[in-house]
């Protein structure tokens, strides 16, 4: 992984808690429901499996998914004497989410600036210690939170997640344009729900269309890192090829 992008404004604002984090990768999707959170988790797990020290920040304040995916919804985050949050250690990764703090099941009804502030607080007030990789599971869209992350953090790069259908790739274009405009390197594109293949057959069914991710990658000169199929049974698939 290359050094952090040369953004002087972002570097000035690097919180002390992130100065020992070697690489920060944002996982983005302009469309909700494409499986970005599952891919963020699988990426973190695969890196940890390779022996790297990995952290995972669930930056989706309105709809945090990682506590459910990691079966940690009932667990609590401890706070150190210096007021820093101690991340949970789940499956070999350090993990923080608003879902571990606001646990009363009530919706978070905040405007954009408050949400952006909450994300930055989670980033800066967590005792990450030394990490090889910090994976940020960003909320879907191209709004305040995404701009805050892109402008105020020394991200190394972005992974973009889409699904094959046009309604997804159309929004994904907007996300790619936002990331490119803010000069963050895009490490690659991942197409989720690419096809369905029954366990007793070699035939592939392209339920949501075919070639959406490939066409998008070609259009922007990006690498299509993976085409992930739908599964018969809900389970995690570690993306070792990433």
C-alpha atoms as a PDB file:
ATOM      1  CA  UNK A   1       0.000   0.000   0.000  1.00  0.00           C
ATOM      2  CA  UNK A   2       1.352   3.395  -0.951  1.00  0.00           C
ATOM      3  CA  UNK A   3       1.835   6.298   1.428  1.00  0.00           C
ATOM      4  CA  UNK A   4      -1.132   8.483   2.294  1.00  0.00           C
ATOM      5  CA  UNK A   5      -2.102  10.938  -0.427  1.00  0.00           C
ATOM      6  CA  UNK A   6      -0.343  14.320  -0.251  1.00  0.00           C
ATOM      7  CA  UNK A   7      -3.203  16.367   1.179  1.00  0.00           C
ATOM      8  CA  UNK A   8      -1.670  18.929   3.531  1.00  0.00           C
ATOM      9  CA  UNK A   9      -4.998  20.058   4.949  1.00  0.00           C
ATOM     10  CA  UNK A  10      -5.957  16.494   5.817  1.00  0.00           C
ATOM     11  CA  UNK A  11      -2.532  15.718   7.276  1.00  0.00           C
ATOM     12  CA  UNK A  12      -2.748  18.702   9.625  1.00  0.00           C
ATOM     13  CA  UNK A  13      -5.996  17.357  11.018  1.00  0.00           C
ATOM     14  CA  UNK A  14      -4.870  13.784  11.603  1.00  0.00           C
ATOM     15  CA  UNK A  15      -6.018  12.903  15.131  1.00  0.00           C
ATOM     16  CA  UNK A  16      -3.372  11.620  17.502  1.00  0.00           C
ATOM     17  CA  UNK A  17      -5.211   8.291  17.735  1.00  0.00           C
ATOM     18  CA  UNK A  18      -4.678   7.706  13.985  1.00  0.00           C
ATOM     19  CA  UNK A  19      -0.983   8.523  13.789  1.00  0.00           C
ATOM     20  CA  UNK A  20      -0.035   4.864  14.286  1.00  0.00           C
ATOM     21  CA  UNK A  21      -2.444   3.645  11.608  1.00  0.00           C
ATOM     22  CA  UNK A  22      -0.452   2.835   8.479  1.00  0.00           C
ATOM     23  CA  UNK A  23      -3.263   2.578   5.933  1.00  0.00           C
ATOM     24  CA  UNK A  24      -6.856   3.853   5.946  1.00  0.00           C
ATOM     25  CA  UNK A  25      -9.214   2.490   3.295  1.00  0.00           C
ATOM     26  CA  UNK A  26     -12.759   3.716   2.740  1.00  0.00           C
ATOM     27  CA  UNK A  27     -15.379   1.345   1.326  1.00  0.00           C
ATOM     28  CA  UNK A  28     -17.941   3.424  -0.565  1.00  0.00           C
ATOM     29  CA  UNK A  29     -21.255   2.883  -2.328  1.00  0.00           C
ATOM     30  CA  UNK A  30     -23.527   5.597  -3.638  1.00  0.00           C
ATOM     31  CA  UNK A  31     -26.466   3.174  -3.508  1.00  0.00           C
ATOM     32  CA  UNK A  32     -27.795   1.485  -0.371  1.00  0.00           C
ATOM     33  CA  UNK A  33     -28.427  -2.251  -0.238  1.00  0.00           C
ATOM     34  CA  UNK A  34     -25.487  -3.343  -2.380  1.00  0.00           C
ATOM     35  CA  UNK A  35     -23.738  -5.301   0.387  1.00  0.00           C
ATOM     36  CA  UNK A  36     -21.063  -2.730   1.222  1.00  0.00           C
ATOM     37  CA  UNK A  37     -21.055  -3.554   4.937  1.00  0.00           C
ATOM     38  CA  UNK A  38     -20.598  -7.279   4.309  1.00  0.00           C
ATOM     39  CA  UNK A  39     -17.747  -6.546   1.915  1.00  0.00           C
ATOM     40  CA  UNK A  40     -16.127  -4.143   4.412  1.00  0.00           C
ATOM     41  CA  UNK A  41     -16.241  -6.836   7.076  1.00  0.00           C
ATOM     42  CA  UNK A  42     -14.954  -9.541   4.760  1.00  0.00           C
ATOM     43  CA  UNK A  43     -12.069  -7.316   3.695  1.00  0.00           C
ATOM     44  CA  UNK A  44     -11.163  -6.671   7.330  1.00  0.00           C
ATOM     45  CA  UNK A  45     -11.389 -10.387   8.168  1.00  0.00           C
ATOM     46  CA  UNK A  46      -9.296 -11.424   5.175  1.00  0.00           C
ATOM     47  CA  UNK A  47      -6.553  -8.924   6.057  1.00  0.00           C
ATOM     48  CA  UNK A  48      -6.567 -10.083   9.679  1.00  0.00           C
ATOM     49  CA  UNK A  49      -6.352 -13.685   8.481  1.00  0.00           C
ATOM     50  CA  UNK A  50      -3.170 -12.742   6.614  1.00  0.00           C
ATOM     51  CA  UNK A  51      -1.629 -11.560   9.886  1.00  0.00           C
ATOM     52  CA  UNK A  52      -2.206  -7.812   9.634  1.00  0.00           C
ATOM     53  CA  UNK A  53      -3.393  -5.680  12.558  1.00  0.00           C
ATOM     54  CA  UNK A  54      -6.805  -4.470  11.396  1.00  0.00           C
ATOM     55  CA  UNK A  55      -9.464  -2.067  12.638  1.00  0.00           C
ATOM     56  CA  UNK A  56     -13.022  -1.627  11.352  1.00  0.00           C
ATOM     57  CA  UNK A  57     -15.028   1.566  11.802  1.00  0.00           C
ATOM     58  CA  UNK A  58     -18.757   1.409  11.111  1.00  0.00           C
ATOM     59  CA  UNK A  59     -19.343   4.999   9.970  1.00  0.00           C
ATOM     60  CA  UNK A  60     -23.040   4.514   9.186  1.00  0.00           C
ATOM     61  CA  UNK A  61     -24.644   6.470  12.019  1.00  0.00           C
ATOM     62  CA  UNK A  62     -28.249   6.097  10.854  1.00  0.00           C
ATOM     63  CA  UNK A  63     -28.141   2.380  10.072  1.00  0.00           C
ATOM     64  CA  UNK A  64     -25.096   0.624  11.562  1.00  0.00           C
ATOM     65  CA  UNK A  65     -24.884  -2.978  10.371  1.00  0.00           C
ATOM     66  CA  UNK A  66     -21.586  -4.226  11.757  1.00  0.00           C
ATOM     67  CA  UNK A  67     -22.819  -5.007  15.311  1.00  0.00           C
ATOM     68  CA  UNK A  68     -25.374  -7.399  13.799  1.00  0.00           C
ATOM     69  CA  UNK A  69     -22.925  -8.930  11.325  1.00  0.00           C
ATOM     70  CA  UNK A  70     -20.369  -9.487  14.095  1.00  0.00           C
ATOM     71  CA  UNK A  71     -23.029 -10.704  16.561  1.00  0.00           C
ATOM     72  CA  UNK A  72     -22.022  -7.921  18.949  1.00  0.00           C
ATOM     73  CA  UNK A  73     -25.316  -6.055  19.336  1.00  0.00           C
ATOM     74  CA  UNK A  74     -25.519  -6.809  23.069  1.00  0.00           C
ATOM     75  CA  UNK A  75     -21.906  -5.857  23.839  1.00  0.00           C
ATOM     76  CA  UNK A  76     -20.712  -2.539  25.227  1.00  0.00           C
ATOM     77  CA  UNK A  77     -17.681  -0.378  24.555  1.00  0.00           C
ATOM     78  CA  UNK A  78     -15.492   0.543  27.510  1.00  0.00           C
ATOM     79  CA  UNK A  79     -13.993   3.997  27.998  1.00  0.00           C
ATOM     80  CA  UNK A  80     -10.436   4.566  29.246  1.00  0.00           C
ATOM     81  CA  UNK A  81      -9.501   7.100  31.909  1.00  0.00           C
ATOM     82  CA  UNK A  82      -8.395   9.482  29.167  1.00  0.00           C
ATOM     83  CA  UNK A  83     -11.916   9.299  27.679  1.00  0.00           C
ATOM     84  CA  UNK A  84     -10.834   7.227  24.680  1.00  0.00           C
ATOM     85  CA  UNK A  85     -13.093   4.415  23.498  1.00  0.00           C
ATOM     86  CA  UNK A  86     -11.657   0.909  23.702  1.00  0.00           C
ATOM     87  CA  UNK A  87     -12.661  -0.917  20.500  1.00  0.00           C
ATOM     88  CA  UNK A  88     -14.143  -4.383  20.734  1.00  0.00           C
ATOM     89  CA  UNK A  89     -11.934  -7.208  19.539  1.00  0.00           C
ATOM     90  CA  UNK A  90     -14.069  -9.463  17.349  1.00  0.00           C
ATOM     91  CA  UNK A  91     -12.669 -12.246  15.177  1.00  0.00           C
ATOM     92  CA  UNK A  92      -9.216 -10.687  15.363  1.00  0.00           C
ATOM     93  CA  UNK A  93     -10.210  -7.150  14.352  1.00  0.00           C
ATOM     94  CA  UNK A  94     -10.688  -3.981  16.408  1.00  0.00           C
ATOM     95  CA  UNK A  95     -14.193  -2.718  15.875  1.00  0.00           C
ATOM     96  CA  UNK A  96     -16.205   0.411  16.724  1.00  0.00           C
ATOM     97  CA  UNK A  97     -19.752   1.397  15.750  1.00  0.00           C
ATOM     98  CA  UNK A  98     -22.397   3.884  16.840  1.00  0.00           C
ATOM     99  CA  UNK A  99     -24.583   0.787  17.173  1.00  0.00           C
ATOM    100  CA  UNK A 100     -22.519  -0.171  20.237  1.00  0.00           C
ATOM    101  CA  UNK A 101     -23.122   3.233  21.828  1.00  0.00           C
ATOM    102  CA  UNK A 102     -26.735   4.123  20.956  1.00  0.00           C
ATOM    103  CA  UNK A 103     -28.211   0.760  21.919  1.00  0.00           C
ATOM    104  CA  UNK A 104     -31.796   1.701  22.826  1.00  0.00           C
ATOM    105  CA  UNK A 105     -33.133   0.901  19.308  1.00  0.00           C
ATOM    106  CA  UNK A 106     -34.336   4.489  18.885  1.00  0.00           C
ATOM    107  CA  UNK A 107     -33.543   6.105  15.524  1.00  0.00           C
ATOM    108  CA  UNK A 108     -30.766   8.679  15.329  1.00  0.00           C
ATOM    109  CA  UNK A 109     -32.529  11.845  14.145  1.00  0.00           C
ATOM    110  CA  UNK A 110     -29.638  14.180  13.393  1.00  0.00           C
ATOM    111  CA  UNK A 111     -28.868  16.616  10.612  1.00  0.00           C
ATOM    112  CA  UNK A 112     -25.832  16.159   8.387  1.00  0.00           C
ATOM    113  CA  UNK A 113     -23.303  18.254  10.343  1.00  0.00           C
ATOM    114  CA  UNK A 114     -24.109  16.392  13.581  1.00  0.00           C
ATOM    115  CA  UNK A 115     -23.662  13.044  11.855  1.00  0.00           C
ATOM    116  CA  UNK A 116     -20.347  14.135  10.344  1.00  0.00           C
ATOM    117  CA  UNK A 117     -19.200  15.296  13.774  1.00  0.00           C
ATOM    118  CA  UNK A 118     -20.175  11.966  15.316  1.00  0.00           C
ATOM    119  CA  UNK A 119     -18.174  10.051  12.713  1.00  0.00           C
ATOM    120  CA  UNK A 120     -15.100  12.189  13.321  1.00  0.00           C
ATOM    121  CA  UNK A 121     -15.484  11.679  17.064  1.00  0.00           C
ATOM    122  CA  UNK A 122     -15.600   7.912  16.612  1.00  0.00           C
ATOM    123  CA  UNK A 123     -12.462   8.145  14.489  1.00  0.00           C
ATOM    124  CA  UNK A 124     -10.523  10.474  16.759  1.00  0.00           C
ATOM    125  CA  UNK A 125     -11.665   9.275  20.188  1.00  0.00           C
ATOM    126  CA  UNK A 126     -11.044   5.563  19.689  1.00  0.00           C
ATOM    127  CA  UNK A 127      -7.825   4.059  21.005  1.00  0.00           C
ATOM    128  CA  UNK A 128      -6.866   2.274  17.789  1.00  0.00           C
ATOM    129  CA  UNK A 129      -3.207   1.929  18.792  1.00  0.00           C
ATOM    130  CA  UNK A 130      -0.988   0.508  16.032  1.00  0.00           C
ATOM    131  CA  UNK A 131      -2.805  -0.806  12.960  1.00  0.00           C
ATOM    132  CA  UNK A 132      -1.696  -1.938   9.539  1.00  0.00           C
ATOM    133  CA  UNK A 133      -5.147  -1.239   8.104  1.00  0.00           C
ATOM    134  CA  UNK A 134      -8.216   0.671   9.230  1.00  0.00           C
ATOM    135  CA  UNK A 135     -11.263  -0.152   7.101  1.00  0.00           C
ATOM    136  CA  UNK A 136     -14.066   2.426   7.107  1.00  0.00           C
ATOM    137  CA  UNK A 137     -17.538   1.126   6.273  1.00  0.00           C
ATOM    138  CA  UNK A 138     -19.019   4.392   5.008  1.00  0.00           C
ATOM    139  CA  UNK A 139     -22.759   5.125   4.767  1.00  0.00           C
ATOM    140  CA  UNK A 140     -24.308   5.024   1.288  1.00  0.00           C
ATOM    141  CA  UNK A 141     -24.631   8.220  -0.702  1.00  0.00           C
ATOM    142  CA  UNK A 142     -22.597  11.292  -1.614  1.00  0.00           C
ATOM    143  CA  UNK A 143     -23.447  13.636   1.245  1.00  0.00           C
ATOM    144  CA  UNK A 144     -21.923  15.353   4.258  1.00  0.00           C
ATOM    145  CA  UNK A 145     -20.367  12.294   5.888  1.00  0.00           C
ATOM    146  CA  UNK A 146     -18.659  11.127   2.720  1.00  0.00           C
ATOM    147  CA  UNK A 147     -17.290  14.617   2.047  1.00  0.00           C
ATOM    148  CA  UNK A 148     -16.052  14.895   5.630  1.00  0.00           C
ATOM    149  CA  UNK A 149     -14.212  11.582   5.409  1.00  0.00           C
ATOM    150  CA  UNK A 150     -12.693  12.426   2.028  1.00  0.00           C
ATOM    151  CA  UNK A 151     -11.609  15.936   3.003  1.00  0.00           C
ATOM    152  CA  UNK A 152     -10.502  15.530   6.611  1.00  0.00           C
ATOM    153  CA  UNK A 153      -8.816  12.138   6.762  1.00  0.00           C
ATOM    154  CA  UNK A 154      -5.578  10.932   5.136  1.00  0.00           C
ATOM    155  CA  UNK A 155      -7.242   8.060   3.294  1.00  0.00           C
ATOM    156  CA  UNK A 156      -4.975   5.858   1.191  1.00  0.00           C
ATOM    157  CA  UNK A 157      -7.687   4.875  -1.219  1.00  0.00           C
ATOM    158  CA  UNK A 158     -11.276   3.870  -1.846  1.00  0.00           C
ATOM    159  CA  UNK A 159     -12.994   0.639  -2.773  1.00  0.00           C
ATOM    160  CA  UNK A 160     -16.290   1.141  -4.594  1.00  0.00           C
ATOM    161  CA  UNK A 161     -19.117  -1.408  -4.362  1.00  0.00           C
ATOM    162  CA  UNK A 162     -21.951  -1.764  -6.850  1.00  0.00           C
ATOM    163  CA  UNK A 163     -24.430  -4.348  -8.124  1.00  0.00           C
ATOM    164  CA  UNK A 164     -25.048  -5.134 -11.820  1.00  0.00           C
ATOM    165  CA  UNK A 165     -28.388  -3.394 -12.351  1.00  0.00           C
ATOM    166  CA  UNK A 166     -28.561   0.045 -13.953  1.00  0.00           C
ATOM    167  CA  UNK A 167     -30.265   1.664 -10.957  1.00  0.00           C
ATOM    168  CA  UNK A 168     -27.127   0.834  -8.960  1.00  0.00           C
ATOM    169  CA  UNK A 169     -24.459   1.596 -11.557  1.00  0.00           C
ATOM    170  CA  UNK A 170     -26.106   4.946 -12.308  1.00  0.00           C
ATOM    171  CA  UNK A 171     -25.686   6.032  -8.685  1.00  0.00           C
ATOM    172  CA  UNK A 172     -22.235   4.455  -8.523  1.00  0.00           C
ATOM    173  CA  UNK A 173     -21.091   6.811 -11.286  1.00  0.00           C
ATOM    174  CA  UNK A 174     -21.950   9.737  -9.034  1.00  0.00           C
ATOM    175  CA  UNK A 175     -19.942   8.215  -6.206  1.00  0.00           C
ATOM    176  CA  UNK A 176     -16.939   7.611  -8.452  1.00  0.00           C
ATOM    177  CA  UNK A 177     -17.105  11.173  -9.748  1.00  0.00           C
ATOM    178  CA  UNK A 178     -17.166  12.509  -6.176  1.00  0.00           C
ATOM    179  CA  UNK A 179     -14.146  10.441  -5.161  1.00  0.00           C
ATOM    180  CA  UNK A 180     -12.195  11.407  -8.289  1.00  0.00           C
ATOM    181  CA  UNK A 181     -13.033  15.087  -7.851  1.00  0.00           C
ATOM    182  CA  UNK A 182     -11.530  14.967  -4.362  1.00  0.00           C
ATOM    183  CA  UNK A 183      -8.445  13.220  -5.776  1.00  0.00           C
ATOM    184  CA  UNK A 184      -8.591  10.035  -3.728  1.00  0.00           C
ATOM    185  CA  UNK A 185      -7.162   6.999  -5.540  1.00  0.00           C
ATOM    186  CA  UNK A 186      -9.791   4.358  -6.309  1.00  0.00           C
ATOM    187  CA  UNK A 187      -8.227   0.979  -5.588  1.00  0.00           C
ATOM    188  CA  UNK A 188     -10.863  -0.907  -7.530  1.00  0.00           C
ATOM    189  CA  UNK A 189     -14.499  -1.759  -8.102  1.00  0.00           C
ATOM    190  CA  UNK A 190     -16.362  -4.721  -6.606  1.00  0.00           C
ATOM    191  CA  UNK A 191     -19.575  -6.031  -8.147  1.00  0.00           C
ATOM    192  CA  UNK A 192     -21.777  -7.776  -5.593  1.00  0.00           C
ATOM    193  CA  UNK A 193     -24.771 -10.042  -6.335  1.00  0.00           C
ATOM    194  CA  UNK A 194     -23.298 -10.670  -9.788  1.00  0.00           C
ATOM    195  CA  UNK A 195     -25.067 -13.962 -10.410  1.00  0.00           C
ATOM    196  CA  UNK A 196     -26.702 -16.934  -8.726  1.00  0.00           C
ATOM    197  CA  UNK A 197     -25.369 -20.452  -9.181  1.00  0.00           C
ATOM    198  CA  UNK A 198     -27.261 -23.343  -7.543  1.00  0.00           C
ATOM    199  CA  UNK A 199     -25.079 -25.743  -5.597  1.00  0.00           C
ATOM    200  CA  UNK A 200     -26.190 -28.637  -7.816  1.00  0.00           C
ATOM    201  CA  UNK A 201     -25.569 -26.900 -11.141  1.00  0.00           C
ATOM    202  CA  UNK A 202     -22.821 -25.167 -13.089  1.00  0.00           C
ATOM    203  CA  UNK A 203     -25.287 -22.804 -14.706  1.00  0.00           C
ATOM    204  CA  UNK A 204     -25.164 -19.143 -13.665  1.00  0.00           C
ATOM    205  CA  UNK A 205     -28.294 -17.014 -13.460  1.00  0.00           C
ATOM    206  CA  UNK A 206     -27.729 -13.281 -13.900  1.00  0.00           C
ATOM    207  CA  UNK A 207     -30.772 -12.179 -11.922  1.00  0.00           C
ATOM    208  CA  UNK A 208     -29.863  -8.484 -11.790  1.00  0.00           C
ATOM    209  CA  UNK A 209     -28.389  -8.244 -15.271  1.00  0.00           C
ATOM    210  CA  UNK A 210     -24.901  -8.853 -16.584  1.00  0.00           C
ATOM    211  CA  UNK A 211     -21.863  -6.692 -17.165  1.00  0.00           C
ATOM    212  CA  UNK A 212     -22.807  -3.629 -15.126  1.00  0.00           C
ATOM    213  CA  UNK A 213     -19.641  -3.690 -13.061  1.00  0.00           C
ATOM    214  CA  UNK A 214     -17.435  -4.571 -16.041  1.00  0.00           C
ATOM    215  CA  UNK A 215     -18.821  -1.714 -18.108  1.00  0.00           C
ATOM    216  CA  UNK A 216     -18.405   0.737 -15.238  1.00  0.00           C
ATOM    217  CA  UNK A 217     -14.822  -0.356 -14.607  1.00  0.00           C
ATOM    218  CA  UNK A 218     -14.006   0.021 -18.304  1.00  0.00           C
ATOM    219  CA  UNK A 219     -15.666   3.444 -18.455  1.00  0.00           C
ATOM    220  CA  UNK A 220     -13.499   4.829 -15.646  1.00  0.00           C
ATOM    221  CA  UNK A 221     -10.360   2.792 -16.229  1.00  0.00           C
ATOM    222  CA  UNK A 222     -10.758   0.936 -12.929  1.00  0.00           C
ATOM    223  CA  UNK A 223      -9.870  -2.613 -11.988  1.00  0.00           C
ATOM    224  CA  UNK A 224     -12.862  -4.887 -11.387  1.00  0.00           C
ATOM    225  CA  UNK A 225     -11.506  -6.705  -8.350  1.00  0.00           C
ATOM    226  CA  UNK A 226     -14.257  -9.256  -7.866  1.00  0.00           C
ATOM    227  CA  UNK A 227     -17.689 -10.394  -9.039  1.00  0.00           C
ATOM    228  CA  UNK A 228     -19.359 -11.860  -5.976  1.00  0.00           C
ATOM    229  CA  UNK A 229     -22.290 -14.269  -6.421  1.00  0.00           C
ATOM    230  CA  UNK A 230     -25.500 -14.550  -4.476  1.00  0.00           C
ATOM    231  CA  UNK A 231     -25.474 -17.465  -2.049  1.00  0.00           C
ATOM    232  CA  UNK A 232     -28.165 -19.995  -1.234  1.00  0.00           C
ATOM    233  CA  UNK A 233     -27.318 -19.769   2.449  1.00  0.00           C
ATOM    234  CA  UNK A 234     -26.464 -16.602   4.370  1.00  0.00           C
ATOM    235  CA  UNK A 235     -22.802 -16.882   5.296  1.00  0.00           C
ATOM    236  CA  UNK A 236     -19.589 -14.917   5.085  1.00  0.00           C
ATOM    237  CA  UNK A 237     -17.275 -15.478   2.143  1.00  0.00           C
ATOM    238  CA  UNK A 238     -13.735 -14.319   2.815  1.00  0.00           C
ATOM    239  CA  UNK A 239     -12.454 -12.495  -0.263  1.00  0.00           C
ATOM    240  CA  UNK A 240      -8.900 -13.795  -0.243  1.00  0.00           C
ATOM    241  CA  UNK A 241      -8.323 -12.571  -3.801  1.00  0.00           C
ATOM    242  CA  UNK A 242      -8.565  -8.996  -2.530  1.00  0.00           C
END
